[in-house]
C-alpha atoms as a PDB file:
ATOM      1  CA  MET A   1     -13.095  51.419 241.677  1.00  0.00           C
ATOM      2  CA  ASP A   2     -10.538  49.252 242.979  1.00  0.00           C
ATOM      3  CA  ARG A   3      -6.387  49.325 242.900  1.00  0.00           C
ATOM      4  CA  VAL A   4      -3.977  46.727 242.554  1.00  0.00           C
ATOM      5  CA  LEU A   5      -0.596  47.163 242.966  1.00  0.00           C
ATOM      6  CA  ILE A   6       1.228  44.616 240.985  1.00  0.00           C
ATOM      7  CA  ASP A   7       4.628  43.168 242.511  1.00  0.00           C
ATOM      8  CA  THR A   8       7.307  42.522 240.377  1.00  0.00           C
ATOM      9  CA  SER A   9       6.538  39.084 241.255  1.00  0.00           C
ATOM     10  CA  VAL A  10       3.934  38.861 239.735  1.00  0.00           C
ATOM     11  CA  LEU A  11       4.585  41.212 237.025  1.00  0.00           C
ATOM     12  CA  ILE A  12       7.639  38.288 235.793  1.00  0.00           C
ATOM     13  CA  ASP A  13       4.499  35.550 235.976  1.00  0.00           C
ATOM     14  CA  VAL A  14       3.223  37.022 233.321  1.00  0.00           C
ATOM     15  CA  SER A  15       6.343  37.961 231.181  1.00  0.00           C
ATOM     16  CA  THR A  16       6.813  34.786 230.524  1.00  0.00           C
ATOM     17  CA  GLY A  17       2.781  33.533 230.840  1.00  0.00           C
ATOM     18  CA  ILE A  18       2.965  31.912 234.266  1.00  0.00           C
ATOM     19  CA  GLU A  19       0.117  31.097 235.698  1.00  0.00           C
ATOM     20  CA  PRO A  20      -2.360  31.808 237.538  1.00  0.00           C
ATOM     21  CA  SER A  21      -0.964  35.449 237.115  1.00  0.00           C
ATOM     22  CA  SER A  22      -0.942  36.131 233.205  1.00  0.00           C
ATOM     23  CA  THR A  23      -5.093  35.741 233.591  1.00  0.00           C
ATOM     24  CA  ALA A  24      -5.850  36.938 236.487  1.00  0.00           C
ATOM     25  CA  VAL A  25      -4.449  40.419 235.781  1.00  0.00           C
ATOM     26  CA  ARG A  26      -5.434  40.437 232.115  1.00  0.00           C
ATOM     27  CA  GLY A  27      -9.281  39.620 233.728  1.00  0.00           C
ATOM     28  CA  MET A  28      -8.100  41.842 236.979  1.00  0.00           C
ATOM     29  CA  LEU A  29      -7.259  44.596 233.996  1.00  0.00           C
ATOM     30  CA  SER A  30      -9.910  44.713 231.365  1.00  0.00           C
ATOM     31  CA  SER A  31     -12.864  44.412 235.046  1.00  0.00           C
ATOM     32  CA  GLY A  32     -11.757  47.698 235.764  1.00  0.00           C
ATOM     33  CA  THR A  33      -9.623  47.653 238.199  1.00  0.00           C
ATOM     34  CA  GLU A  34      -6.767  50.137 238.381  1.00  0.00           C
ATOM     35  CA  GLY A  35      -3.425  48.686 237.617  1.00  0.00           C
ATOM     36  CA  CYS A  36      -0.557  49.982 239.138  1.00  0.00           C
ATOM     37  CA  VAL A  37       3.625  49.858 239.431  1.00  0.00           C
ATOM     38  CA  CYS A  38       5.644  52.502 240.914  1.00  0.00           C
ATOM     39  CA  ALA A  39       8.935  53.188 240.648  1.00  0.00           C
ATOM     40  CA  VAL A  40      10.521  50.588 242.477  1.00  0.00           C
ATOM     41  CA  ILE A  41       8.055  48.231 240.710  1.00  0.00           C
ATOM     42  CA  VAL A  42       9.443  49.172 236.844  1.00  0.00           C
ATOM     43  CA  ALA A  43      13.215  49.423 237.973  1.00  0.00           C
ATOM     44  CA  GLU A  44      13.167  45.619 239.372  1.00  0.00           C
ATOM     45  CA  PHE A  45      11.230  44.462 236.099  1.00  0.00           C
ATOM     46  CA  PHE A  46      13.095  45.902 234.151  1.00  0.00           C
ATOM     47  CA  VAL A  47      16.611  44.352 234.400  1.00  0.00           C
ATOM     48  CA  GLY A  48      15.825  41.315 233.297  1.00  0.00           C
ATOM     49  CA  VAL A  49      13.873  42.647 230.278  1.00  0.00           C
ATOM     50  CA  HIS A  50      15.092  41.662 227.088  1.00  0.00           C
ATOM     51  CA  PRO A  51      15.993  45.233 224.719  1.00  0.00           C
ATOM     52  CA  ASP A  52      14.389  43.212 222.537  1.00  0.00           C
ATOM     53  CA  ASP A  53      10.785  43.146 224.510  1.00  0.00           C
ATOM     54  CA  ARG A  54      11.489  46.586 226.017  1.00  0.00           C
ATOM     55  CA  GLY A  55       8.747  48.809 224.495  1.00  0.00           C
ATOM     56  CA  ARG A  56       6.839  46.319 224.423  1.00  0.00           C
ATOM     57  CA  TRP A  57       6.671  46.177 228.152  1.00  0.00           C
ATOM     58  CA  GLU A  58       7.029  49.811 228.399  1.00  0.00           C
ATOM     59  CA  ARG A  59       4.043  50.315 225.702  1.00  0.00           C
ATOM     60  CA  TYR A  60       2.594  47.780 228.777  1.00  0.00           C
ATOM     61  CA  PHE A  61       3.516  50.357 231.505  1.00  0.00           C
ATOM     62  CA  ASP A  62       1.995  52.641 229.849  1.00  0.00           C
ATOM     63  CA  ARG A  63      -1.112  51.728 230.310  1.00  0.00           C
ATOM     64  CA  LEU A  64      -0.341  51.416 234.053  1.00  0.00           C
ATOM     65  CA  ARG A  65      -1.173  54.400 236.893  1.00  0.00           C
ATOM     66  CA  PHE A  66       1.920  55.084 238.359  1.00  0.00           C
ATOM     67  CA  PRO A  67       1.367  56.395 242.238  1.00  0.00           C
ATOM     68  CA  PRO A  68       4.734  57.974 242.653  1.00  0.00           C
ATOM     69  CA  VAL A  69       7.318  56.728 246.283  1.00  0.00           C
ATOM     70  CA  THR A  70       6.089  60.038 247.766  1.00  0.00           C
ATOM     71  CA  ARG A  71       8.269  61.814 251.176  1.00  0.00           C
ATOM     72  CA  GLU A  72       5.434  60.338 252.893  1.00  0.00           C
ATOM     73  CA  ALA A  73       5.895  56.778 252.136  1.00  0.00           C
ATOM     74  CA  SER A  74       9.385  57.028 252.031  1.00  0.00           C
ATOM     75  CA  MET A  75       8.999  57.455 256.132  1.00  0.00           C
ATOM     76  CA  VAL A  76       6.539  54.901 256.051  1.00  0.00           C
ATOM     77  CA  ALA A  77       8.836  51.828 254.057  1.00  0.00           C
ATOM     78  CA  SER A  78      11.418  53.681 256.947  1.00  0.00           C
ATOM     79  CA  ARG A  79       8.702  52.879 259.805  1.00  0.00           C
ATOM     80  CA  TYR A  80       7.730  49.511 258.089  1.00  0.00           C
ATOM     81  CA  ARG A  81      11.750  48.953 258.744  1.00  0.00           C
ATOM     82  CA  ASP A  82      13.356  50.098 261.784  1.00  0.00           C
ATOM     83  CA  ASP A  83       9.837  48.279 263.736  1.00  0.00           C
ATOM     84  CA  PHE A  84      10.656  44.559 262.080  1.00  0.00           C
ATOM     85  CA  ALA A  85      14.814  45.281 262.558  1.00  0.00           C
ATOM     86  CA  ARG A  86      13.403  45.867 266.335  1.00  0.00           C
ATOM     87  CA  ARG A  87      11.643  42.178 266.364  1.00  0.00           C
ATOM     88  CA  GLY A  88      14.848  40.602 264.228  1.00  0.00           C
ATOM     89  CA  ARG A  89      13.236  40.757 260.669  1.00  0.00           C
ATOM     90  CA  THR A  90      14.476  41.954 258.497  1.00  0.00           C
ATOM     91  CA  LEU A  91      13.320  44.239 255.291  1.00  0.00           C
ATOM     92  CA  ALA A  92      14.690  45.188 252.387  1.00  0.00           C
ATOM     93  CA  THR A  93      14.196  48.277 251.744  1.00  0.00           C
ATOM     94  CA  SER A  94      12.302  47.887 248.010  1.00  0.00           C
ATOM     95  CA  ASP A  95       9.493  45.761 249.751  1.00  0.00           C
ATOM     96  CA  SER A  96       9.238  48.158 252.162  1.00  0.00           C
ATOM     97  CA  LEU A  97       8.948  51.345 249.945  1.00  0.00           C
ATOM     98  CA  ILE A  98       6.356  49.350 247.546  1.00  0.00           C
ATOM     99  CA  ALA A  99       4.315  48.475 250.568  1.00  0.00           C
ATOM    100  CA  ALA A 100       4.481  52.043 251.866  1.00  0.00           C
ATOM    101  CA  VAL A 101       2.999  53.360 248.281  1.00  0.00           C
ATOM    102  CA  ALA A 102       0.120  50.411 248.222  1.00  0.00           C
ATOM    103  CA  ARG A 103      -0.558  52.085 251.720  1.00  0.00           C
ATOM    104  CA  ALA A 104      -0.584  55.704 250.143  1.00  0.00           C
ATOM    105  CA  TYR A 105      -2.148  55.013 247.585  1.00  0.00           C
ATOM    106  CA  GLY A 106      -5.059  52.613 249.209  1.00  0.00           C
ATOM    107  CA  ALA A 107      -4.157  49.863 247.421  1.00  0.00           C
ATOM    108  CA  VAL A 108      -4.002  46.126 247.386  1.00  0.00           C
ATOM    109  CA  LEU A 109      -0.795  44.678 246.822  1.00  0.00           C
ATOM    110  CA  LEU A 110      -0.799  41.548 244.300  1.00  0.00           C
ATOM    111  CA  THR A 111       3.323  39.587 245.025  1.00  0.00           C
ATOM    112  CA  GLU A 112       4.216  36.331 244.704  1.00  0.00           C
ATOM    113  CA  ASN A 113       6.207  36.385 248.079  1.00  0.00           C
ATOM    114  CA  PRO A 114       3.698  37.797 250.021  1.00  0.00           C
ATOM    115  CA  LYS A 115       6.014  36.857 253.862  1.00  0.00           C
ATOM    116  CA  HIS A 116       8.125  40.216 251.769  1.00  0.00           C
ATOM    117  CA  PHE A 117       5.302  42.071 253.189  1.00  0.00           C
ATOM    118  CA  PRO A 118       4.391  40.936 256.719  1.00  0.00           C
ATOM    119  CA  MET A 119       2.673  44.065 257.753  1.00  0.00           C
ATOM    120  CA  ASN A 120      -1.047  44.593 259.187  1.00  0.00           C
ATOM    121  CA  ASP A 121      -2.071  47.440 257.608  1.00  0.00           C
ATOM    122  CA  MET A 122      -2.653  47.250 254.149  1.00  0.00           C
ATOM    123  CA  VAL A 123      -3.996  44.625 252.403  1.00  0.00           C
ATOM    124  CA  VAL A 124      -1.208  41.632 250.345  1.00  0.00           C
ATOM    125  CA  ARG A 125      -2.569  38.878 247.818  1.00  0.00           C
ATOM    126  CA  SER A 126      -1.198  36.558 246.225  1.00  0.00           C
ATOM    127  CA  LEU A 127      -2.951  34.804 243.322  1.00  0.00           C
ATOM    128  CA  ARG A 128      -0.993  31.605 244.044  1.00  0.00           C
ATOM    129  CA  THR A 129      -2.240  29.177 245.963  1.00  0.00           C
END
Protein backbone atom coordinates (compact mmCIF):
# COMPACT_ATOMS: atom_id res chain seq x y z
CA MET A 1 0.00 0.00 0.00
CA ASP A 2 1.22 3.48 -0.84
CA ARG A 3 1.60 5.98 1.98
CA VAL A 4 1.30 9.73 1.65
CA LEU A 5 2.06 12.24 4.38
CA ILE A 6 -0.24 15.15 3.55
CA ASP A 7 1.48 18.44 4.32
CA THR A 8 -0.31 21.43 5.81
CA SER A 9 -0.19 23.31 2.51
CA VAL A 10 -2.20 20.58 0.76
CA LEU A 11 -4.68 20.31 3.63
CA ILE A 12 -5.27 24.05 3.45
CA ASP A 13 -6.03 23.67 -0.26
CA VAL A 14 -8.41 20.80 0.54
CA SER A 15 -10.14 22.83 3.25
CA THR A 16 -10.77 25.71 0.85
CA GLY A 17 -11.64 23.56 -2.17
CA ILE A 18 -8.59 24.53 -4.20
CA GLU A 19 -7.90 22.23 -7.12
CA PRO A 20 -6.25 19.97 -7.99
CA SER A 21 -5.54 19.22 -4.33
CA SER A 22 -9.12 18.57 -3.23
CA THR A 23 -9.91 16.06 -5.97
CA ALA A 24 -6.47 14.44 -5.91
CA VAL A 25 -6.46 13.82 -2.14
CA ARG A 26 -10.02 12.51 -2.21
CA GLY A 27 -9.06 10.19 -5.07
CA MET A 28 -5.92 8.95 -3.31
CA LEU A 29 -7.75 8.18 -0.09
CA SER A 30 -10.59 6.38 -1.89
CA SER A 31 -8.13 4.31 -3.94
CA GLY A 32 -6.50 2.75 -0.89
CA THR A 33 -3.53 5.08 -0.46
CA GLU A 34 -2.79 5.41 3.23
CA GLY A 35 -3.20 9.09 4.07
CA CYS A 36 -1.12 10.30 7.01
CA VAL A 37 -0.57 13.41 9.09
CA CYS A 38 1.76 13.98 12.01
CA ALA A 39 1.59 16.15 15.12
CA VAL A 40 3.41 19.04 13.44
CA ILE A 41 0.99 19.10 10.50
CA VAL A 42 -2.06 18.95 12.77
CA ALA A 43 -0.70 21.78 14.94
CA GLU A 44 -0.01 23.95 11.88
CA PHE A 45 -3.36 23.23 10.22
CA PHE A 46 -5.64 23.88 13.17
CA VAL A 47 -4.20 27.37 13.73
CA GLY A 48 -6.34 28.65 10.85
CA VAL A 49 -9.48 26.56 11.39
CA HIS A 50 -12.57 28.45 12.51
CA PRO A 51 -13.91 27.10 15.83
CA ASP A 52 -17.20 26.12 14.16
CA ASP A 53 -15.28 23.89 11.71
CA ARG A 54 -13.00 22.15 14.22
CA GLY A 55 -15.27 19.14 14.77
CA ARG A 56 -15.56 18.43 11.05
CA TRP A 57 -11.79 18.60 10.61
CA GLU A 58 -11.15 16.47 13.69
CA ARG A 59 -13.39 13.78 12.11
CA TYR A 60 -11.49 14.15 8.83
CA PHE A 61 -8.18 13.64 10.63
CA ASP A 62 -9.61 10.61 12.45
CA ARG A 63 -9.65 8.83 9.06
CA LEU A 64 -5.91 9.37 8.58
CA ARG A 65 -2.94 7.46 10.00
CA PHE A 66 -0.96 9.36 12.61
CA PRO A 67 2.71 8.32 12.61
CA PRO A 68 4.54 9.64 15.66
CA VAL A 69 7.35 12.14 15.75
CA THR A 70 9.81 9.72 17.32
CA ARG A 71 13.16 10.39 18.94
CA GLU A 72 14.83 8.99 15.81
CA ALA A 73 12.81 11.30 13.54
CA SER A 74 13.71 14.23 15.79
CA MET A 75 17.41 13.40 15.41
CA VAL A 76 17.06 13.13 11.62
CA ALA A 77 15.32 16.53 11.59
CA SER A 78 18.19 18.07 13.54
CA ARG A 79 20.68 16.58 11.06
CA TYR A 80 18.70 18.03 8.14
CA ARG A 81 18.80 21.48 9.73
CA ASP A 82 22.49 21.23 10.60
CA ASP A 83 23.54 19.85 7.19
CA PHE A 84 21.70 22.55 5.27
CA ALA A 85 22.80 25.32 7.66
CA ARG A 86 26.42 24.36 6.93
CA ARG A 87 25.62 24.97 3.25
CA GLY A 88 24.05 28.35 4.00
CA ARG A 89 20.41 27.32 3.84
CA THR A 90 18.04 27.64 6.78
CA LEU A 91 15.32 25.03 7.16
CA ALA A 92 12.36 25.49 9.49
CA THR A 93 12.22 23.08 12.40
CA SER A 94 8.62 22.21 11.52
CA ASP A 95 9.51 21.35 7.91
CA SER A 96 12.50 19.30 9.01
CA LEU A 97 10.33 17.31 11.43
CA ILE A 98 7.66 16.72 8.77
CA ALA A 99 10.32 15.49 6.34
CA ALA A 100 11.86 13.21 8.95
CA VAL A 101 8.48 11.65 9.77
CA ALA A 102 7.79 11.03 6.07
CA ARG A 103 11.21 9.41 5.72
CA ALA A 104 10.83 7.26 8.84
CA TYR A 105 7.34 6.12 7.85
CA GLY A 106 8.25 5.43 4.22
CA ALA A 107 5.68 7.93 2.98
CA VAL A 108 5.71 10.27 0.02
CA LEU A 109 5.43 13.84 1.25
CA LEU A 110 2.62 15.59 -0.61
CA THR A 111 3.18 19.35 -0.38
CA GLU A 112 2.60 22.57 -2.23
CA ASN A 113 5.93 23.87 -0.94
CA PRO A 114 8.52 21.46 -2.38
CA LYS A 115 11.26 24.08 -1.97
CA HIS A 116 10.85 23.70 1.80
CA PHE A 117 11.94 20.05 1.52
CA PRO A 118 15.29 19.87 -0.34
CA MET A 119 16.28 16.56 1.29
CA ASN A 120 17.40 13.87 -1.14
CA ASP A 121 16.65 10.82 1.02
CA MET A 122 12.86 11.03 0.71
CA VAL A 123 10.22 11.50 -1.98
CA VAL A 124 8.48 14.87 -2.26
CA ARG A 125 5.54 15.41 -4.61
CA SER A 126 3.53 18.52 -5.48
CA LEU A 127 0.11 18.53 -7.15
CA ARG A 128 0.63 21.91 -8.75
CA THR A 129 2.56 22.20 -11.97
